Amino acid sequence: NNLKPEDTAVYLCNAAQLGSDYWGQ
């Protein structure tokens, strides 16, 4: 909410578990 121009970016989802990291596109 109340988005600002400085919020402009590619937003990526992350899932983390011990020893592994997964990323969306």
PDB file of all heavy atoms in Angstrom:
ATOM      1  N   ASN A   1       0.835  -1.200   0.000  1.00  0.00           N
ATOM      2  CA  ASN A   1       0.000   0.000   0.000  1.00  0.00           C
ATOM      3  C   ASN A   1       0.872   1.253   0.000  1.00  0.00           C
ATOM      4  O   ASN A   1       2.048   1.204   0.346  1.00  0.00           O
ATOM      5  CB  ASN A   1      -0.906   0.014   1.229  1.00  0.00           C
ATOM      6  CG  ASN A   1      -1.863  -1.158   1.275  1.00  0.00           C
ATOM      7  OD1 ASN A   1      -2.322  -1.637   0.238  1.00  0.00           O
ATOM      8  ND2 ASN A   1      -2.175  -1.620   2.466  1.00  0.00           N
ATOM      9  N   ASN A   2       0.262   2.362  -0.366  1.00  0.00           N
ATOM     10  CA  ASN A   2       0.962   3.651  -0.390  1.00  0.00           C
ATOM     11  C   ASN A   2       2.309   3.526  -1.113  1.00  0.00           C
ATOM     12  O   ASN A   2       3.355   3.929  -0.601  1.00  0.00           O
ATOM     13  CB  ASN A   2       1.161   4.172   1.030  1.00  0.00           C
ATOM     14  CG  ASN A   2       1.679   5.603   1.061  1.00  0.00           C
ATOM     15  OD1 ASN A   2       1.528   6.343   0.099  1.00  0.00           O
ATOM     16  ND2 ASN A   2       2.293   5.981   2.170  1.00  0.00           N
ATOM     17  N   LEU A   3       2.255   2.973  -2.302  1.00  0.00           N
ATOM     18  CA  LEU A   3       3.487   2.726  -3.050  1.00  0.00           C
ATOM     19  C   LEU A   3       4.158   4.028  -3.460  1.00  0.00           C
ATOM     20  O   LEU A   3       3.487   5.037  -3.742  1.00  0.00           O
ATOM     21  CB  LEU A   3       3.187   1.877  -4.283  1.00  0.00           C
ATOM     22  CG  LEU A   3       2.999   0.387  -3.968  1.00  0.00           C
ATOM     23  CD1 LEU A   3       2.220  -0.305  -5.076  1.00  0.00           C
ATOM     24  CD2 LEU A   3       4.361  -0.271  -3.765  1.00  0.00           C
ATOM     25  N   LYS A   4       5.483   3.983  -3.477  1.00  0.00           N
ATOM     26  CA  LYS A   4       6.307   5.144  -3.812  1.00  0.00           C
ATOM     27  C   LYS A   4       7.171   4.814  -5.030  1.00  0.00           C
ATOM     28  O   LYS A   4       7.461   3.649  -5.279  1.00  0.00           O
ATOM     29  CB  LYS A   4       7.203   5.493  -2.628  1.00  0.00           C
ATOM     30  CG  LYS A   4       6.459   5.751  -1.334  1.00  0.00           C
ATOM     31  CD  LYS A   4       7.431   6.001  -0.185  1.00  0.00           C
ATOM     32  CE  LYS A   4       6.676   6.245   1.120  1.00  0.00           C
ATOM     33  NZ  LYS A   4       7.601   6.504   2.247  1.00  0.00           N
ATOM     34  N   PRO A   5       7.611   5.825  -5.757  1.00  0.00           N
ATOM     35  CA  PRO A   5       8.477   5.552  -6.917  1.00  0.00           C
ATOM     36  C   PRO A   5       9.708   4.726  -6.553  1.00  0.00           C
ATOM     37  O   PRO A   5      10.148   3.897  -7.358  1.00  0.00           O
ATOM     38  CB  PRO A   5       8.857   6.958  -7.395  1.00  0.00           C
ATOM     39  CG  PRO A   5       7.690   7.804  -7.007  1.00  0.00           C
ATOM     40  CD  PRO A   5       7.237   7.251  -5.680  1.00  0.00           C
ATOM     41  N   GLU A   6      10.221   4.905  -5.354  1.00  0.00           N
ATOM     42  CA  GLU A   6      11.409   4.142  -4.945  1.00  0.00           C
ATOM     43  C   GLU A   6      11.118   2.673  -4.667  1.00  0.00           C
ATOM     44  O   GLU A   6      12.047   1.891  -4.418  1.00  0.00           O
ATOM     45  CB  GLU A   6      12.076   4.783  -3.716  1.00  0.00           C
ATOM     46  CG  GLU A   6      11.144   5.053  -2.556  1.00  0.00           C
ATOM     47  CD  GLU A   6      10.628   6.481  -2.544  1.00  0.00           C
ATOM     48  OE1 GLU A   6      10.290   7.022  -3.628  1.00  0.00           O
ATOM     49  OE2 GLU A   6      10.535   7.057  -1.431  1.00  0.00           O
ATOM     50  N   ASP A   7       9.858   2.285  -4.712  1.00  0.00           N
ATOM     51  CA  ASP A   7       9.501   0.870  -4.594  1.00  0.00           C
ATOM     52  C   ASP A   7       9.617   0.144  -5.940  1.00  0.00           C
ATOM     53  O   ASP A   7       9.455  -1.078  -5.996  1.00  0.00           O
ATOM     54  CB  ASP A   7       8.076   0.714  -4.078  1.00  0.00           C
ATOM     55  CG  ASP A   7       7.908   1.226  -2.651  1.00  0.00           C
ATOM     56  OD1 ASP A   7       8.801   0.974  -1.821  1.00  0.00           O
ATOM     57  OD2 ASP A   7       6.881   1.884  -2.380  1.00  0.00           O
ATOM     58  N   THR A   8       9.876   0.894  -7.001  1.00  0.00           N
ATOM     59  CA  THR A   8      10.005   0.286  -8.331  1.00  0.00           C
ATOM     60  C   THR A   8      11.165  -0.700  -8.352  1.00  0.00           C
ATOM     61  O   THR A   8      12.295  -0.356  -7.992  1.00  0.00           O
ATOM     62  CB  THR A   8      10.219   1.380  -9.387  1.00  0.00           C
ATOM     63  OG1 THR A   8       9.055   2.203  -9.458  1.00  0.00           O
ATOM     64  CG2 THR A   8      10.488   0.764 -10.759  1.00  0.00           C
ATOM     65  N   ALA A   9      10.875  -1.932  -8.747  1.00  0.00           N
ATOM     66  CA  ALA A   9      11.884  -2.994  -8.765  1.00  0.00           C
ATOM     67  C   ALA A   9      11.258  -4.269  -9.303  1.00  0.00           C
ATOM     68  O   ALA A   9      10.032  -4.359  -9.460  1.00  0.00           O
ATOM     69  CB  ALA A   9      12.432  -3.234  -7.356  1.00  0.00           C
ATOM     70  N   VAL A  10      12.109  -5.249  -9.527  1.00  0.00           N
ATOM     71  CA  VAL A  10      11.627  -6.620  -9.735  1.00  0.00           C
ATOM     72  C   VAL A  10      11.520  -7.264  -8.359  1.00  0.00           C
ATOM     73  O   VAL A  10      12.477  -7.238  -7.580  1.00  0.00           O
ATOM     74  CB  VAL A  10      12.591  -7.422 -10.624  1.00  0.00           C
ATOM     75  CG1 VAL A  10      12.140  -8.873 -10.700  1.00  0.00           C
ATOM     76  CG2 VAL A  10      12.660  -6.815 -12.021  1.00  0.00           C
ATOM     77  N   TYR A  11      10.363  -7.805  -8.075  1.00  0.00           N
ATOM     78  CA  TYR A  11      10.108  -8.446  -6.782  1.00  0.00           C
ATOM     79  C   TYR A  11      10.211  -9.950  -6.952  1.00  0.00           C
ATOM     80  O   TYR A  11       9.560 -10.531  -7.830  1.00  0.00           O
ATOM     81  CB  TYR A  11       8.743  -8.040  -6.253  1.00  0.00           C
ATOM     82  CG  TYR A  11       8.747  -6.637  -5.681  1.00  0.00           C
ATOM     83  CD1 TYR A  11       8.866  -5.536  -6.519  1.00  0.00           C
ATOM     84  CD2 TYR A  11       8.660  -6.413  -4.304  1.00  0.00           C
ATOM     85  CE1 TYR A  11       8.908  -4.245  -6.002  1.00  0.00           C
ATOM     86  CE2 TYR A  11       8.688  -5.133  -3.783  1.00  0.00           C
ATOM     87  CZ  TYR A  11       8.823  -4.055  -4.638  1.00  0.00           C
ATOM     88  OH  TYR A  11       8.856  -2.777  -4.127  1.00  0.00           O
ATOM     89  N   LEU A  12      11.033 -10.558  -6.108  1.00  0.00           N
ATOM     90  CA  LEU A  12      11.296 -11.989  -6.211  1.00  0.00           C
ATOM     91  C   LEU A  12      10.880 -12.705  -4.945  1.00  0.00           C
ATOM     92  O   LEU A  12      11.118 -12.228  -3.836  1.00  0.00           O
ATOM     93  CB  LEU A  12      12.782 -12.238  -6.457  1.00  0.00           C
ATOM     94  CG  LEU A  12      13.362 -11.565  -7.708  1.00  0.00           C
ATOM     95  CD1 LEU A  12      14.299 -10.423  -7.298  1.00  0.00           C
ATOM     96  CD2 LEU A  12      14.097 -12.563  -8.568  1.00  0.00           C
ATOM     97  N   CYS A  13      10.299 -13.861  -5.151  1.00  0.00           N
ATOM     98  CA  CYS A  13       9.893 -14.718  -4.041  1.00  0.00           C
ATOM     99  C   CYS A  13      11.044 -15.650  -3.692  1.00  0.00           C
ATOM    100  O   CYS A  13      11.743 -16.153  -4.579  1.00  0.00           O
ATOM    101  CB  CYS A  13       8.656 -15.512  -4.450  1.00  0.00           C
ATOM    102  SG  CYS A  13       8.021 -16.618  -3.180  1.00  0.00           S
ATOM    103  N   ASN A  14      11.227 -15.884  -2.411  1.00  0.00           N
ATOM    104  CA  ASN A  14      12.283 -16.771  -1.922  1.00  0.00           C
ATOM    105  C   ASN A  14      11.725 -17.781  -0.947  1.00  0.00           C
ATOM    106  O   ASN A  14      10.882 -17.455  -0.106  1.00  0.00           O
ATOM    107  CB  ASN A  14      13.373 -15.941  -1.235  1.00  0.00           C
ATOM    108  CG  ASN A  14      14.404 -16.800  -0.538  1.00  0.00           C
ATOM    109  OD1 ASN A  14      14.303 -17.053   0.653  1.00  0.00           O
ATOM    110  ND2 ASN A  14      15.389 -17.246  -1.284  1.00  0.00           N
ATOM    111  N   ALA A  15      12.213 -19.011  -1.064  1.00  0.00           N
ATOM    112  CA  ALA A  15      11.901 -20.058  -0.093  1.00  0.00           C
ATOM    113  C   ALA A  15      13.221 -20.599   0.433  1.00  0.00           C
ATOM    114  O   ALA A  15      14.083 -20.988  -0.364  1.00  0.00           O
ATOM    115  CB  ALA A  15      11.095 -21.176  -0.740  1.00  0.00           C
ATOM    116  N   ALA A  16      13.383 -20.585   1.731  1.00  0.00           N
ATOM    117  CA  ALA A  16      14.652 -20.978   2.326  1.00  0.00           C
ATOM    118  C   ALA A  16      14.462 -22.119   3.308  1.00  0.00           C
ATOM    119  O   ALA A  16      13.525 -22.121   4.118  1.00  0.00           O
ATOM    120  CB  ALA A  16      15.284 -19.786   3.034  1.00  0.00           C
ATOM    121  N   GLN A  17      15.337 -23.088   3.186  1.00  0.00           N
ATOM    122  CA  GLN A  17      15.403 -24.153   4.180  1.00  0.00           C
ATOM    123  C   GLN A  17      16.866 -24.446   4.399  1.00  0.00           C
ATOM    124  O   GLN A  17      17.714 -23.970   3.649  1.00  0.00           O
ATOM    125  CB  GLN A  17      14.645 -25.383   3.716  1.00  0.00           C
ATOM    126  CG  GLN A  17      15.191 -26.035   2.467  1.00  0.00           C
ATOM    127  CD  GLN A  17      14.352 -27.200   2.006  1.00  0.00           C
ATOM    128  OE1 GLN A  17      13.152 -27.055   1.785  1.00  0.00           O
ATOM    129  NE2 GLN A  17      14.978 -28.351   1.893  1.00  0.00           N
ATOM    130  N   LEU A  18      17.198 -25.211   5.406  1.00  0.00           N
ATOM    131  CA  LEU A  18      18.590 -25.446   5.762  1.00  0.00           C
ATOM    132  C   LEU A  18      19.369 -25.946   4.553  1.00  0.00           C
ATOM    133  O   LEU A  18      19.071 -26.983   3.993  1.00  0.00           O
ATOM    134  CB  LEU A  18      18.658 -26.465   6.898  1.00  0.00           C
ATOM    135  CG  LEU A  18      20.049 -26.692   7.496  1.00  0.00           C
ATOM    136  CD1 LEU A  18      20.577 -25.403   8.107  1.00  0.00           C
ATOM    137  CD2 LEU A  18      19.996 -27.791   8.534  1.00  0.00           C
ATOM    138  N   GLY A  19      20.347 -25.168   4.139  1.00  0.00           N
ATOM    139  CA  GLY A  19      21.220 -25.580   3.045  1.00  0.00           C
ATOM    140  C   GLY A  19      20.711 -25.286   1.655  1.00  0.00           C
ATOM    141  O   GLY A  19      21.424 -25.508   0.677  1.00  0.00           O
ATOM    142  N   SER A  20      19.487 -24.760   1.521  1.00  0.00           N
ATOM    143  CA  SER A  20      18.936 -24.509   0.188  1.00  0.00           C
ATOM    144  C   SER A  20      18.156 -23.213   0.141  1.00  0.00           C
ATOM    145  O   SER A  20      17.491 -22.844   1.096  1.00  0.00           O
ATOM    146  CB  SER A  20      18.005 -25.656  -0.229  1.00  0.00           C
ATOM    147  OG  SER A  20      18.694 -26.874  -0.314  1.00  0.00           O
ATOM    148  N   ASP A  21      18.267 -22.563  -1.011  1.00  0.00           N
ATOM    149  CA  ASP A  21      17.518 -21.339  -1.296  1.00  0.00           C
ATOM    150  C   ASP A  21      16.873 -21.503  -2.659  1.00  0.00           C
ATOM    151  O   ASP A  21      17.527 -21.937  -3.611  1.00  0.00           O
ATOM    152  CB  ASP A  21      18.449 -20.126  -1.370  1.00  0.00           C
ATOM    153  CG  ASP A  21      18.353 -19.249  -0.151  1.00  0.00           C
ATOM    154  OD1 ASP A  21      17.223 -19.040   0.331  1.00  0.00           O
ATOM    155  OD2 ASP A  21      19.396 -18.773   0.318  1.00  0.00           O
ATOM    156  N   TYR A  22      15.599 -21.147  -2.756  1.00  0.00           N
ATOM    157  CA  TYR A  22      14.894 -21.241  -4.027  1.00  0.00           C
ATOM    158  C   TYR A  22      14.337 -19.859  -4.371  1.00  0.00           C
ATOM    159  O   TYR A  22      13.887 -19.122  -3.480  1.00  0.00           O
ATOM    160  CB  TYR A  22      13.759 -22.262  -3.947  1.00  0.00           C
ATOM    161  CG  TYR A  22      14.224 -23.641  -3.544  1.00  0.00           C
ATOM    162  CD1 TYR A  22      14.144 -24.060  -2.218  1.00  0.00           C
ATOM    163  CD2 TYR A  22      14.749 -24.523  -4.488  1.00  0.00           C
ATOM    164  CE1 TYR A  22      14.576 -25.317  -1.835  1.00  0.00           C
ATOM    165  CE2 TYR A  22      15.180 -25.787  -4.112  1.00  0.00           C
ATOM    166  CZ  TYR A  22      15.099 -26.174  -2.786  1.00  0.00           C
ATOM    167  OH  TYR A  22      15.533 -27.424  -2.417  1.00  0.00           O
ATOM    168  N   TRP A  23      14.364 -19.548  -5.680  1.00  0.00           N
ATOM    169  CA  TRP A  23      13.921 -18.238  -6.140  1.00  0.00           C
ATOM    170  C   TRP A  23      12.931 -18.371  -7.276  1.00  0.00           C
ATOM    171  O   TRP A  23      13.044 -19.273  -8.120  1.00  0.00           O
ATOM    172  CB  TRP A  23      15.113 -17.418  -6.629  1.00  0.00           C
ATOM    173  CG  TRP A  23      16.090 -17.064  -5.549  1.00  0.00           C
ATOM    174  CD1 TRP A  23      17.187 -17.781  -5.184  1.00  0.00           C
ATOM    175  CD2 TRP A  23      16.032 -15.929  -4.690  1.00  0.00           C
ATOM    176  NE1 TRP A  23      17.827 -17.149  -4.135  1.00  0.00           N
ATOM    177  CE2 TRP A  23      17.140 -16.012  -3.823  1.00  0.00           C
ATOM    178  CE3 TRP A  23      15.156 -14.850  -4.562  1.00  0.00           C
ATOM    179  CZ2 TRP A  23      17.401 -15.044  -2.843  1.00  0.00           C
ATOM    180  CZ3 TRP A  23      15.426 -13.899  -3.594  1.00  0.00           C
ATOM    181  CH2 TRP A  23      16.527 -13.992  -2.747  1.00  0.00           C
ATOM    182  N   GLY A  24      12.002 -17.450  -7.319  1.00  0.00           N
ATOM    183  CA  GLY A  24      11.125 -17.356  -8.464  1.00  0.00           C
ATOM    184  C   GLY A  24      11.771 -16.487  -9.529  1.00  0.00           C
ATOM    185  O   GLY A  24      12.871 -15.964  -9.363  1.00  0.00           O
ATOM    186  N   GLN A  25      11.051 -16.310 -10.652  1.00  0.00           N
ATOM    187  CA  GLN A  25      11.570 -15.526 -11.761  1.00  0.00           C
ATOM    188  C   GLN A  25      11.428 -14.035 -11.517  1.00  0.00           C
ATOM    189  O   GLN A  25      12.144 -13.235 -12.127  1.00  0.00           O
ATOM    190  CB  GLN A  25      10.832 -15.901 -13.057  1.00  0.00           C
ATOM    191  CG  GLN A  25      11.039 -17.330 -13.503  1.00  0.00           C
ATOM    192  CD  GLN A  25      12.386 -17.543 -14.147  1.00  0.00           C
ATOM    193  OE1 GLN A  25      13.106 -16.598 -14.477  1.00  0.00           O
ATOM    194  NE2 GLN A  25      12.767 -18.790 -14.347  1.00  0.00           N
TER     195      GLN A  25
END
